[in-house]
């Protein structure tokens, strides 16, 4: 430590008193005795210690590192890590950029090579001071070149929410506060609607400077990446929020939150077909990645809504005409089977849709190819009618689905929502909304006029005949005794329709559960990882959301 810092063992407690840097009287380690002998890494002048670090080395190294950090000795602390080039600036920034003017760091008992600790700090900025307390942990490893026990440096040592490339800072917030409200003016908070936490962060980042709010003073994680929102850790002084109107319906959102909370990994989105307004977005886990908007995974048989529209538009099928549905079908050496190898004889295409017959769709691929001149009919249908892949501008980050142009066996997989097709609940809810309304209306959370965004527009809408047949088939799927969605939709009223889906993911014994449906002017889609059949897991999620609308 630099001149002026004093170290002593007082009553079995390690104490650092550092002068000249605004730090003093820090309790770093309870119950330590015996000095620093445990950090010796060589048994001779030129020897290097090898093997796992010992308990004594873990204790001593953690003690020295925490002492140097709390004492403001960033260089000394960095040299006790296995990456001083990265650790040094980060530790210095704790004092100079995060404006920590005092800190007490207390370590807990080591578990193996990991040592938990608690930081109690004081942050001061422009005359405003606030206490700041959080917990983190460090791990001690043996240095590869020196053999010394060293702290394994990761940004999370400094703070558990610090990401690679990010830094801790204190100052005026990067954007103004917002008070997000639903379509009826009800305030939306992450405390009441946990799934909206990441959504509200993105809305603040994007609209905070234009919604009329004034920034507060905060300790925050500067992500260091364009487009990645900063993370607020402590508010020293609140700003004045500006109001931002969203399309969320608080009642539907509450139902969505409860519906997905039953599962470890699940998502749901609800959209108004007549406008494209998003009424709810919910994820489980609630504070993680926004899978509902940004996920990319196979949607299973919910994709058959698009495939059916293609076949209807090409006049290759009609909802009330008999179609083939054998137990299996082969296309370019790829064998596609129906669930449990069922087959249908003398049944209509609408019946096959309601039963989710894979082979009824696969057997039409060559007919589409003859009409299109290639295998790309499904990709064009998805883009030109349903808006998939048109760069949606929803107001936050979102993925607008992907149906790549493929040929041969890969085309067969796409027809039933497998292979290279990737979607999320936002995309599938939008597909259902388009089927219900007949026209693609780009989903959005914030009105286009707020920031003059230009919404994506599809090249054409469904003809009245095709839209009617598509809706009727979805209605049958949700109401007929043989429909795969009837059980899940039994509690839903109004004009209703649905489609089930299950996606078989390589390496998993249980398929992902998908379900989408509409009731009057509300459409919803849900995904439950490893949920099995669509009507079993995702179906009840959609039904609960539709009932709330």
Protein backbone atom coordinates (compact mmCIF):
# COMPACT_ATOMS: atom_id res chain seq x y z
CA UNK A 1 0.00 0.00 0.00
CA UNK A 2 1.10 3.56 -0.65
CA UNK A 3 2.51 5.65 2.20
CA UNK A 4 -0.11 6.60 4.75
CA UNK A 5 -2.05 3.32 4.75
CA UNK A 6 -1.83 1.32 7.95
CA UNK A 7 -2.69 -2.35 8.41
CA UNK A 8 -3.16 -4.09 11.73
CA UNK A 9 -4.83 -7.05 13.40
CA UNK A 10 -7.12 -5.71 16.11
CA UNK A 11 -8.92 -8.24 18.24
CA UNK A 12 -8.80 -10.87 15.50
CA UNK A 13 -10.28 -8.46 12.95
CA UNK A 14 -8.34 -7.24 9.94
CA UNK A 15 -8.57 -3.45 9.72
CA UNK A 16 -7.35 -1.08 7.03
CA UNK A 17 -7.00 2.62 7.67
CA UNK A 18 -6.08 4.51 4.52
CA UNK A 19 -5.30 8.21 4.54
CA UNK A 20 -5.32 10.75 1.72
CA UNK A 21 -7.95 8.95 -0.38
CA UNK A 22 -11.11 9.52 1.62
CA UNK A 23 -11.26 5.97 2.98
CA UNK A 24 -10.89 4.89 6.59
CA UNK A 25 -11.72 2.29 9.23
CA UNK A 26 -12.74 -0.66 7.05
CA UNK A 27 -13.54 -4.06 8.50
CA UNK A 28 -12.33 -6.41 5.80
CA UNK A 29 -12.18 -9.87 7.29
CA UNK A 30 -13.54 -11.42 10.44
CA UNK A 31 -11.69 -14.10 12.36
CA UNK A 32 -8.37 -13.92 10.50
CA UNK A 33 -5.10 -14.39 12.30
CA UNK A 34 -1.59 -15.38 11.45
CA UNK A 35 -0.52 -12.65 9.04
CA UNK A 36 0.06 -13.23 5.34
CA UNK A 37 2.07 -16.41 5.43
CA UNK A 38 -0.59 -18.23 3.46
CA UNK A 39 0.12 -16.21 0.31
CA UNK A 40 3.67 -17.57 -0.09
CA UNK A 41 3.72 -19.17 -3.51
CA UNK A 42 7.29 -20.51 -3.71
CA UNK A 43 9.26 -22.94 -1.62
CA UNK A 44 12.57 -21.66 -2.96
CA UNK A 45 14.00 -18.70 -4.77
CA UNK A 46 13.29 -20.09 -8.26
CA UNK A 47 10.53 -22.64 -7.60
CA UNK A 48 6.88 -22.29 -8.60
CA UNK A 49 4.10 -23.74 -6.52
CA UNK A 50 1.64 -25.98 -8.34
CA UNK A 51 -1.56 -27.84 -7.58
CA UNK A 52 -4.86 -26.57 -6.20
CA UNK A 53 -4.80 -23.52 -3.98
CA UNK A 54 -5.04 -24.28 -0.28
CA UNK A 55 -7.60 -22.97 2.17
CA UNK A 56 -4.93 -20.80 3.77
CA UNK A 57 -4.02 -19.31 0.38
CA UNK A 58 -7.68 -18.58 -0.41
CA UNK A 59 -8.16 -16.78 2.91
CA UNK A 60 -4.96 -14.77 2.71
CA UNK A 61 -5.34 -13.78 -0.95
CA UNK A 62 -8.92 -12.67 -0.48
CA UNK A 63 -7.89 -10.71 2.62
CA UNK A 64 -5.11 -8.86 0.81
CA UNK A 65 -7.22 -8.15 -2.28
CA UNK A 66 -10.19 -6.79 -0.35
CA UNK A 67 -7.90 -4.72 1.84
CA UNK A 68 -6.24 -3.10 -1.16
CA UNK A 69 -9.56 -2.49 -2.90
CA UNK A 70 -11.21 -0.90 0.13
CA UNK A 71 -8.11 1.17 0.78
CA UNK A 72 -8.31 2.72 -2.69
CA UNK A 73 -5.15 0.91 -3.79
CA UNK A 74 -6.40 -0.13 -7.22
CA UNK A 75 -2.94 -1.01 -8.60
CA UNK A 76 -2.08 -3.18 -5.60
CA UNK A 77 -5.45 -4.91 -5.74
CA UNK A 78 -5.11 -5.50 -9.49
CA UNK A 79 -1.73 -7.19 -9.00
CA UNK A 80 -3.47 -9.71 -6.77
CA UNK A 81 -5.63 -10.83 -9.72
CA UNK A 82 -4.88 -12.97 -12.74
CA UNK A 83 -5.78 -10.10 -15.09
CA UNK A 84 -4.35 -6.84 -13.73
CA UNK A 85 -4.71 -5.08 -17.10
CA UNK A 86 -8.50 -5.32 -16.86
CA UNK A 87 -8.83 -5.25 -13.09
CA UNK A 88 -6.78 -2.10 -12.52
CA UNK A 89 -8.96 0.38 -14.47
CA UNK A 90 -12.15 -1.22 -13.14
CA UNK A 91 -11.03 -0.95 -9.52
CA UNK A 92 -9.84 2.62 -10.07
CA UNK A 93 -13.17 3.45 -11.65
CA UNK A 94 -14.94 2.24 -8.50
CA UNK A 95 -13.58 5.34 -6.75
CA UNK A 96 -13.16 7.83 -9.58
CA UNK A 97 -16.08 7.01 -11.89
CA UNK A 98 -18.59 5.51 -9.46
CA UNK A 99 -17.70 8.25 -6.93
CA UNK A 100 -17.38 5.92 -3.93
CA UNK A 101 -15.99 8.04 -1.09
CA UNK A 102 -15.97 5.36 1.59
CA UNK A 103 -16.37 1.62 1.78
CA UNK A 104 -16.46 -1.24 4.24
CA UNK A 105 -16.03 -4.72 2.78
CA UNK A 106 -16.85 -7.71 4.95
CA UNK A 107 -16.06 -11.23 3.79
CA UNK A 108 -17.96 -14.36 4.71
CA UNK A 109 -16.64 -17.86 5.17
CA UNK A 110 -14.96 -19.40 2.15
CA UNK A 111 -16.63 -22.30 0.36
CA UNK A 112 -13.81 -24.12 -1.36
CA UNK A 113 -12.02 -21.48 -3.38
CA UNK A 114 -14.94 -19.02 -3.41
CA UNK A 115 -15.25 -16.20 -0.90
CA UNK A 116 -18.50 -14.18 -0.58
CA UNK A 117 -18.33 -10.61 0.64
CA UNK A 118 -20.53 -7.60 1.32
CA UNK A 119 -19.73 -4.05 0.26
CA UNK A 120 -21.13 -1.16 2.29
CA UNK A 121 -20.17 2.03 0.51
CA UNK A 122 -20.97 5.72 0.45
CA UNK A 123 -21.45 7.39 -2.93
CA UNK A 124 -21.13 11.18 -3.20
CA UNK A 125 -21.87 13.26 -6.28
CA UNK A 126 -22.30 17.05 -6.44
CA UNK A 127 -23.01 17.29 -2.74
CA UNK A 128 -25.49 14.40 -2.67
CA UNK A 129 -24.49 11.30 -0.68
CA UNK A 130 -26.24 7.95 -0.37
CA UNK A 131 -25.32 4.60 1.23
CA UNK A 132 -24.85 1.70 -1.20
CA UNK A 133 -24.81 -1.93 -0.09
CA UNK A 134 -24.51 -5.05 -2.21
CA UNK A 135 -23.06 -8.57 -2.11
CA UNK A 136 -20.64 -10.24 -4.47
CA UNK A 137 -18.03 -12.98 -4.42
CA UNK A 138 -14.56 -13.84 -5.67
CA UNK A 139 -12.70 -17.03 -6.50
CA UNK A 140 -9.01 -17.71 -5.90
CA UNK A 141 -7.00 -19.66 -8.49
CA UNK A 142 -3.34 -20.45 -8.99
CA UNK A 143 -1.55 -18.22 -11.48
CA UNK A 144 -0.53 -20.07 -14.63
CA UNK A 145 2.90 -18.46 -14.95
CA UNK A 146 3.82 -17.54 -11.38
CA UNK A 147 2.10 -20.25 -9.36
CA UNK A 148 0.85 -17.54 -6.97
CA UNK A 149 -2.67 -17.67 -5.59
CA UNK A 150 -4.63 -14.90 -7.34
CA UNK A 151 -8.18 -13.61 -7.53
CA UNK A 152 -9.80 -14.88 -10.73
CA UNK A 153 -10.79 -11.52 -12.19
CA UNK A 154 -14.25 -11.08 -13.63
CA UNK A 155 -16.28 -7.85 -13.81
CA UNK A 156 -18.82 -9.45 -11.46
CA UNK A 157 -16.25 -9.34 -8.66
CA UNK A 158 -16.64 -5.57 -8.63
CA UNK A 159 -20.45 -5.82 -8.85
CA UNK A 160 -22.64 -8.83 -9.74
CA UNK A 161 -24.44 -6.87 -12.50
CA UNK A 162 -21.29 -5.56 -14.16
CA UNK A 163 -20.89 -7.07 -17.64
CA UNK A 164 -17.76 -7.46 -19.80
CA UNK A 165 -17.06 -4.16 -21.53
CA UNK A 166 -19.19 -2.27 -19.02
CA UNK A 167 -18.20 0.08 -16.23
CA UNK A 168 -19.62 1.49 -13.00
CA UNK A 169 -20.48 5.19 -13.16
CA UNK A 170 -22.26 7.81 -11.09
CA UNK A 171 -23.80 10.91 -12.59
CA UNK A 172 -26.77 12.23 -14.44
CA UNK A 173 -28.79 9.33 -15.82
CA UNK A 174 -28.15 8.62 -19.49
CA UNK A 175 -31.84 9.20 -20.22
CA UNK A 176 -34.76 10.83 -18.47
CA UNK A 177 -37.17 8.96 -16.27
CA UNK A 178 -40.41 7.77 -17.83
CA UNK A 179 -43.76 6.89 -16.37
CA UNK A 180 -45.05 4.24 -18.73
CA UNK A 181 -48.83 3.88 -18.75
CA UNK A 182 -51.15 1.38 -20.36
CA UNK A 183 -53.80 2.22 -22.95
CA UNK A 184 -56.18 3.37 -20.20
CA UNK A 185 -53.60 5.54 -18.42
CA UNK A 186 -52.75 3.04 -15.66
CA UNK A 187 -49.12 3.18 -14.51
CA UNK A 188 -46.97 0.17 -15.43
CA UNK A 189 -44.14 -0.78 -13.07
CA UNK A 190 -41.73 -3.69 -12.92
CA UNK A 191 -42.75 -4.28 -9.31
CA UNK A 192 -46.37 -4.95 -10.28
CA UNK A 193 -45.65 -6.51 -13.67
CA UNK A 194 -42.22 -8.20 -13.40
CA UNK A 195 -42.07 -9.24 -17.06
CA UNK A 196 -42.17 -5.59 -18.07
CA UNK A 197 -38.86 -4.85 -16.29
CA UNK A 198 -36.64 -5.35 -19.38
CA UNK A 199 -39.31 -3.73 -21.56
CA UNK A 200 -39.49 -0.61 -19.41
CA UNK A 201 -35.68 -0.36 -19.38
CA UNK A 202 -35.65 -0.34 -23.19
CA UNK A 203 -38.51 2.14 -23.37
CA UNK A 204 -36.68 4.48 -21.02
CA UNK A 205 -33.45 4.16 -23.00
CA UNK A 206 -35.24 4.93 -26.26
CA UNK A 207 -37.83 7.51 -25.19
CA UNK A 208 -36.49 8.97 -21.94
CA UNK A 209 -34.99 11.99 -23.67
CA UNK A 210 -38.11 12.76 -25.69
CA UNK A 211 -40.90 11.99 -23.23
CA UNK A 212 -40.39 15.24 -21.30
CA UNK A 213 -38.69 13.77 -18.24
CA UNK A 214 -35.60 15.07 -16.46
CA UNK A 215 -32.70 12.72 -15.60
CA UNK A 216 -31.89 11.97 -11.98
CA UNK A 217 -28.52 11.14 -10.41
CA UNK A 218 -27.70 7.44 -10.38
CA UNK A 219 -25.06 4.81 -9.89
CA UNK A 220 -25.38 2.69 -12.99
CA UNK A 221 -23.70 0.10 -15.16
CA UNK A 222 -22.64 1.77 -18.39
CA UNK A 223 -23.05 -1.17 -20.81
CA UNK A 224 -20.42 0.19 -23.18
CA UNK A 225 -22.49 -1.11 -26.12
CA UNK A 226 -24.69 0.95 -28.39
CA UNK A 227 -28.31 -0.08 -28.11
CA UNK A 228 -27.82 -1.95 -24.81
CA UNK A 229 -29.61 -0.14 -21.98
CA UNK A 230 -27.65 0.96 -18.90
CA UNK A 231 -28.62 -0.69 -15.62
CA UNK A 232 -29.46 1.51 -12.65
CA UNK A 233 -27.95 0.25 -9.38
CA UNK A 234 -28.68 3.13 -6.98
CA UNK A 235 -30.65 6.36 -7.23
CA UNK A 236 -29.06 9.29 -5.42
CA UNK A 237 -31.60 11.80 -6.60
CA UNK A 238 -34.80 11.05 -8.48
CA UNK A 239 -35.51 12.73 -11.76
CA UNK A 240 -38.84 13.96 -13.02
CA UNK A 241 -40.52 11.32 -15.19
CA UNK A 242 -42.15 12.04 -18.50
CA UNK A 243 -45.30 10.14 -19.42
CA UNK A 244 -45.08 7.52 -22.17
CA UNK A 245 -48.25 5.90 -23.45
CA UNK A 246 -47.99 2.24 -24.43
CA UNK A 247 -50.46 -0.18 -26.01
CA UNK A 248 -50.35 -2.57 -23.03
CA UNK A 249 -53.63 -3.44 -21.32
CA UNK A 250 -52.92 -3.82 -17.60
CA UNK A 251 -55.67 -6.44 -17.14
CA UNK A 252 -54.39 -8.61 -19.99
CA UNK A 253 -50.80 -8.09 -18.80
CA UNK A 254 -51.67 -9.25 -15.28
CA UNK A 255 -53.26 -12.40 -16.68
CA UNK A 256 -50.23 -13.04 -18.89
CA UNK A 257 -47.84 -12.69 -15.95
CA UNK A 258 -49.78 -15.25 -13.92
CA UNK A 259 -50.15 -17.64 -16.85
CA UNK A 260 -46.43 -17.98 -17.66
CA UNK A 261 -45.34 -18.02 -14.00
CA UNK A 262 -46.41 -21.68 -13.77
CA UNK A 263 -43.49 -22.72 -15.97
CA UNK A 264 -39.72 -22.37 -15.74
CA UNK A 265 -39.33 -21.12 -19.31
CA UNK A 266 -42.42 -19.73 -21.01
CA UNK A 267 -43.54 -16.66 -22.97
CA UNK A 268 -46.76 -15.17 -24.27
CA UNK A 269 -47.77 -12.16 -26.38
CA UNK A 270 -51.26 -10.74 -27.02
CA UNK A 271 -52.08 -8.49 -30.01
CA UNK A 272 -55.19 -6.66 -31.20
CA UNK A 273 -55.74 -7.91 -34.80
CA UNK A 274 -57.57 -4.79 -35.98
CA UNK A 275 -54.65 -2.48 -35.09
CA UNK A 276 -51.49 -4.51 -34.32
CA UNK A 277 -51.35 -3.01 -30.81
CA UNK A 278 -49.55 -5.28 -28.32
CA UNK A 279 -51.76 -5.81 -25.28
CA UNK A 280 -49.43 -8.00 -23.22
CA UNK A 281 -45.92 -9.44 -23.19
CA UNK A 282 -44.81 -11.81 -20.45
CA UNK A 283 -41.90 -14.14 -19.83
CA UNK A 284 -40.83 -16.68 -17.26
CA UNK A 285 -38.30 -16.08 -15.81
CA UNK A 286 -39.67 -12.56 -15.51
CA UNK A 287 -36.40 -10.63 -15.20
CA UNK A 288 -34.42 -12.31 -17.93
CA UNK A 289 -34.16 -12.27 -21.72
CA UNK A 290 -37.31 -11.06 -23.51
CA UNK A 291 -37.96 -14.37 -25.27
CA UNK A 292 -41.49 -13.28 -26.17
CA UNK A 293 -40.10 -10.59 -28.51
CA UNK A 294 -36.54 -11.71 -29.22
CA UNK A 295 -36.64 -15.51 -29.15
CA UNK A 296 -35.77 -17.52 -32.23
CA UNK A 297 -36.94 -21.13 -32.18
CA UNK A 298 -39.02 -23.55 -34.24
CA UNK A 299 -42.78 -22.93 -33.85
CA UNK A 300 -44.01 -26.40 -34.80
CA UNK A 301 -47.48 -26.77 -36.29
CA UNK A 302 -48.56 -23.20 -35.50
CA UNK A 303 -46.68 -22.51 -38.75
CA UNK A 304 -49.40 -24.44 -40.57
CA UNK A 305 -51.50 -21.27 -40.50
CA UNK A 306 -49.06 -19.79 -43.03
CA UNK A 307 -48.76 -23.04 -44.97
CA UNK A 308 -52.53 -23.40 -45.17
CA UNK A 309 -52.85 -19.83 -46.43
CA UNK A 310 -50.31 -20.61 -49.17
CA UNK A 311 -52.17 -23.74 -50.28
CA UNK A 312 -55.52 -21.94 -50.20
CA UNK A 313 -54.17 -19.00 -52.19
CA UNK A 314 -52.77 -21.37 -54.84
CA UNK A 315 -56.17 -23.08 -55.01
CA UNK A 316 -54.49 -26.41 -54.22
CA UNK A 317 -56.89 -27.10 -51.34
CA UNK A 318 -60.24 -25.94 -50.06
CA UNK A 319 -61.35 -26.15 -46.47
CA UNK A 320 -64.39 -28.28 -47.41
CA UNK A 321 -62.74 -30.55 -49.98
CA UNK A 322 -61.42 -34.05 -49.25
CA UNK A 323 -57.63 -34.33 -48.94
CA UNK A 324 -55.08 -37.11 -48.43
CA UNK A 325 -53.73 -37.70 -44.93
CA UNK A 326 -51.66 -40.91 -44.81
CA UNK A 327 -49.76 -41.85 -41.66
CA UNK A 328 -46.46 -40.89 -43.31
CA UNK A 329 -45.17 -39.14 -46.42
CA UNK A 330 -41.75 -39.04 -48.05
CA UNK A 331 -40.34 -35.94 -49.69
CA UNK A 332 -36.81 -36.00 -51.14
CA UNK A 333 -35.87 -38.95 -48.93
CA UNK A 334 -37.19 -37.19 -45.80
CA UNK A 335 -39.97 -39.15 -44.08
CA UNK A 336 -42.56 -37.07 -42.25
CA UNK A 337 -45.00 -38.81 -39.89
CA UNK A 338 -48.15 -37.79 -38.10
CA UNK A 339 -48.33 -37.92 -34.31
CA UNK A 340 -48.72 -41.56 -33.29
CA UNK A 341 -48.87 -42.41 -37.02
CA UNK A 342 -52.56 -41.54 -37.33
CA UNK A 343 -54.16 -41.35 -40.76
CA UNK A 344 -57.43 -39.94 -42.09
CA UNK A 345 -59.56 -41.23 -44.94
CA UNK A 346 -62.24 -39.27 -46.74
CA UNK A 347 -61.75 -36.18 -44.56
CA UNK A 348 -61.59 -32.56 -45.68
CA UNK A 349 -58.57 -30.30 -45.56
CA UNK A 350 -60.28 -28.35 -42.79
CA UNK A 351 -60.60 -31.55 -40.76
CA UNK A 352 -56.92 -32.38 -41.42
CA UNK A 353 -55.95 -28.87 -40.27
CA UNK A 354 -57.93 -29.28 -37.05
CA UNK A 355 -56.28 -32.65 -36.39
CA UNK A 356 -52.87 -31.19 -37.32
CA UNK A 357 -52.16 -33.75 -40.03
CA UNK A 358 -48.56 -33.24 -41.17
CA UNK A 359 -48.78 -35.33 -44.32
CA UNK A 360 -51.75 -33.39 -45.76
CA UNK A 361 -49.40 -30.42 -46.05
CA UNK A 362 -46.25 -32.27 -47.15
CA UNK A 363 -48.01 -33.95 -50.09
CA UNK A 364 -48.71 -30.53 -51.63
CA UNK A 365 -45.10 -29.32 -51.81
CA UNK A 366 -44.51 -30.48 -55.38
CA UNK A 367 -47.77 -28.86 -56.49
CA UNK A 368 -46.58 -25.54 -55.04
CA UNK A 369 -43.21 -26.02 -56.68
CA UNK A 370 -44.85 -26.56 -60.05
CA UNK A 371 -46.81 -23.33 -59.68
CA UNK A 372 -43.95 -21.26 -58.24
CA UNK A 373 -41.14 -22.70 -60.33
CA UNK A 374 -39.10 -23.29 -57.17
CA UNK A 375 -39.45 -24.38 -53.52
CA UNK A 376 -39.64 -20.86 -52.12
CA UNK A 377 -43.42 -20.42 -52.01
CA UNK A 378 -43.66 -20.64 -48.23
CA UNK A 379 -40.92 -18.06 -47.66
CA UNK A 380 -42.68 -15.64 -50.02
CA UNK A 381 -46.07 -16.25 -48.41
CA UNK A 382 -44.65 -15.57 -44.95
CA UNK A 383 -43.03 -12.32 -46.09
CA UNK A 384 -45.58 -10.94 -48.58
CA UNK A 385 -48.77 -11.73 -46.63
CA UNK A 386 -47.78 -12.16 -42.98
CA UNK A 387 -44.95 -9.61 -42.81
CA UNK A 388 -42.35 -12.08 -41.55
CA UNK A 389 -38.84 -10.68 -42.00
CA UNK A 390 -39.85 -7.08 -42.80
CA UNK A 391 -37.89 -5.30 -40.03
CA UNK A 392 -40.66 -4.55 -37.55
CA UNK A 393 -40.28 -1.39 -35.48
CA UNK A 394 -42.26 -2.23 -32.37
CA UNK A 395 -40.74 0.40 -30.07
CA UNK A 396 -38.31 -2.01 -28.42
CA UNK A 397 -35.95 -4.72 -29.65
CA UNK A 398 -37.75 -7.51 -31.45
CA UNK A 399 -37.08 -10.29 -33.92
CA UNK A 400 -39.63 -10.44 -36.72
CA UNK A 401 -39.30 -14.13 -37.60
CA UNK A 402 -37.44 -15.97 -40.32
CA UNK A 403 -38.47 -18.38 -43.08
CA UNK A 404 -35.36 -18.79 -45.24
CA UNK A 405 -35.63 -19.81 -48.88
CA UNK A 406 -34.75 -23.51 -48.90
CA UNK A 407 -35.26 -26.47 -51.20
CA UNK A 408 -35.60 -30.23 -51.17
CA UNK A 409 -36.08 -31.95 -47.79
CA UNK A 410 -35.65 -28.72 -45.85
CA UNK A 411 -38.83 -27.40 -47.49
CA UNK A 412 -40.81 -30.32 -46.04
CA UNK A 413 -39.64 -29.44 -42.54
CA UNK A 414 -40.59 -25.79 -43.02
CA UNK A 415 -44.16 -26.65 -44.03
CA UNK A 416 -44.80 -28.00 -40.53
CA UNK A 417 -42.76 -25.41 -38.60
CA UNK A 418 -39.56 -27.39 -38.17
CA UNK A 419 -36.02 -27.10 -39.54
CA UNK A 420 -34.90 -23.60 -40.47
CA UNK A 421 -38.09 -21.73 -39.51
CA UNK A 422 -37.58 -19.56 -36.40
CA UNK A 423 -40.28 -17.63 -34.58
CA UNK A 424 -41.23 -16.22 -31.19
CA UNK A 425 -44.63 -15.63 -29.56
CA UNK A 426 -44.75 -12.08 -30.99
CA UNK A 427 -44.42 -13.47 -34.52
CA UNK A 428 -46.96 -16.25 -34.08
CA UNK A 429 -49.46 -13.94 -32.37
CA UNK A 430 -49.06 -11.58 -35.34
CA UNK A 431 -49.62 -14.44 -37.80
CA UNK A 432 -52.83 -15.30 -35.97
CA UNK A 433 -53.87 -11.65 -35.90
CA UNK A 434 -53.32 -11.48 -39.67
CA UNK A 435 -55.41 -14.61 -40.19
CA UNK A 436 -58.19 -13.13 -38.05
CA UNK A 437 -58.18 -9.68 -39.70
CA UNK A 438 -57.07 -10.70 -43.19
CA UNK A 439 -54.43 -7.95 -43.27
CA UNK A 440 -50.97 -7.78 -41.72
CA UNK A 441 -50.70 -4.94 -39.23
CA UNK A 442 -47.23 -4.57 -37.76
CA UNK A 443 -47.23 -5.18 -33.98
CA UNK A 444 -46.21 -2.20 -31.86
CA UNK A 445 -45.86 -1.19 -28.21
CA UNK A 446 -45.54 2.57 -28.77
CA UNK A 447 -47.41 4.53 -31.42
CA UNK A 448 -45.42 5.35 -34.55
CA UNK A 449 -46.04 9.07 -34.15
CA UNK A 450 -44.08 9.26 -30.90
CA UNK A 451 -40.77 8.99 -32.77
CA UNK A 452 -41.94 9.00 -36.41
CA UNK A 453 -41.19 5.34 -36.99
CA UNK A 454 -42.34 3.81 -40.26
CA UNK A 455 -44.20 0.55 -39.75
CA UNK A 456 -43.53 -2.45 -41.96
CA UNK A 457 -46.22 -3.18 -44.55
CA UNK A 458 -46.92 -6.47 -46.31
CA UNK A 459 -47.23 -6.54 -50.10
CA UNK A 460 -50.74 -7.93 -50.13
CA UNK A 461 -53.59 -9.06 -47.90
CA UNK A 462 -55.50 -12.30 -47.94
CA UNK A 463 -58.46 -12.51 -50.26
CA UNK A 464 -61.86 -12.57 -48.60
CA UNK A 465 -62.33 -16.24 -49.53
CA UNK A 466 -58.94 -17.38 -48.23
CA UNK A 467 -59.26 -15.36 -45.02
CA UNK A 468 -62.71 -16.80 -44.38
CA UNK A 469 -61.56 -20.39 -44.92
CA UNK A 470 -58.49 -19.88 -42.73
CA UNK A 471 -60.56 -18.44 -39.89
CA UNK A 472 -63.14 -21.20 -40.23
CA UNK A 473 -60.47 -23.89 -39.97
CA UNK A 474 -59.07 -22.26 -36.84
CA UNK A 475 -62.57 -22.03 -35.40
CA UNK A 476 -63.06 -25.74 -36.06
CA UNK A 477 -59.72 -26.51 -34.39
CA UNK A 478 -60.92 -24.66 -31.27
CA UNK A 479 -64.50 -25.97 -31.12
CA UNK A 480 -64.95 -29.33 -32.87
CA UNK A 481 -64.75 -32.55 -30.86
CA UNK A 482 -61.78 -33.67 -32.97
CA UNK A 483 -59.95 -30.31 -32.84
CA UNK A 484 -56.58 -30.39 -31.11
CA UNK A 485 -57.26 -27.02 -29.42
CA UNK A 486 -60.81 -27.67 -28.22
CA UNK A 487 -59.88 -28.67 -24.68
CA UNK A 488 -57.67 -25.66 -24.05
CA UNK A 489 -60.17 -23.21 -25.61
CA UNK A 490 -63.27 -24.57 -23.87
CA UNK A 491 -63.24 -21.76 -21.29
CA UNK A 492 -62.79 -19.00 -23.89
CA UNK A 493 -65.89 -17.23 -25.16
CA UNK A 494 -66.71 -15.12 -28.19
CA UNK A 495 -65.71 -15.74 -31.78
CA UNK A 496 -62.73 -18.01 -31.24
CA UNK A 497 -60.17 -20.02 -33.18
CA UNK A 498 -56.80 -21.64 -32.50
CA UNK A 499 -53.92 -23.80 -33.68
CA UNK A 500 -51.71 -26.11 -31.65
CA UNK A 501 -48.05 -26.85 -32.20
CA UNK A 502 -45.20 -28.90 -30.81
CA UNK A 503 -41.62 -28.48 -31.98
CA UNK A 504 -39.18 -31.36 -31.78
CA UNK A 505 -35.78 -29.98 -30.81
CA UNK A 506 -32.71 -32.15 -31.39
CA UNK A 507 -31.33 -33.63 -28.20
CA UNK A 508 -34.51 -33.25 -26.19
CA UNK A 509 -36.92 -36.03 -25.31
CA UNK A 510 -39.84 -33.65 -24.78
CA UNK A 511 -40.97 -31.24 -27.47
CA UNK A 512 -41.57 -27.51 -26.99
CA UNK A 513 -45.22 -26.59 -26.58
CA UNK A 514 -46.77 -23.91 -28.83
CA UNK A 515 -50.31 -22.61 -29.02
CA UNK A 516 -51.99 -19.67 -30.67
CA UNK A 517 -55.56 -18.49 -30.77
CA UNK A 518 -57.97 -15.59 -31.09
CA UNK A 519 -61.12 -14.47 -29.33
CA UNK A 520 -63.00 -11.55 -30.88
CA UNK A 521 -60.43 -8.75 -31.38
CA UNK A 522 -57.57 -10.30 -29.40
CA UNK A 523 -54.97 -12.81 -30.59
CA UNK A 524 -52.33 -14.49 -28.44
CA UNK A 525 -49.51 -16.98 -28.81
CA UNK A 526 -47.50 -18.84 -26.18
CA UNK A 527 -44.39 -20.98 -25.99
CA UNK A 528 -43.45 -23.34 -23.15
CA UNK A 529 -40.03 -24.97 -23.34
CA UNK A 530 -40.20 -28.76 -22.96
CA UNK A 531 -43.96 -28.43 -22.44
CA UNK A 532 -44.97 -31.28 -24.76
CA UNK A 533 -48.15 -31.07 -26.82
CA UNK A 534 -49.42 -27.60 -27.66
CA UNK A 535 -52.77 -27.97 -25.95
CA UNK A 536 -51.23 -29.30 -22.75
CA UNK A 537 -48.95 -26.46 -21.61
CA UNK A 538 -49.08 -23.46 -23.96
CA UNK A 539 -52.81 -23.84 -24.58
CA UNK A 540 -53.94 -22.94 -21.04
CA UNK A 541 -51.57 -19.93 -21.09
CA UNK A 542 -53.23 -18.53 -24.22
CA UNK A 543 -56.70 -19.30 -22.90
CA UNK A 544 -56.04 -17.40 -19.66
CA UNK A 545 -54.82 -14.36 -21.60
CA UNK A 546 -57.74 -14.40 -24.04
CA UNK A 547 -60.25 -14.61 -21.20
CA UNK A 548 -58.76 -11.43 -19.70
CA UNK A 549 -59.29 -9.54 -22.94
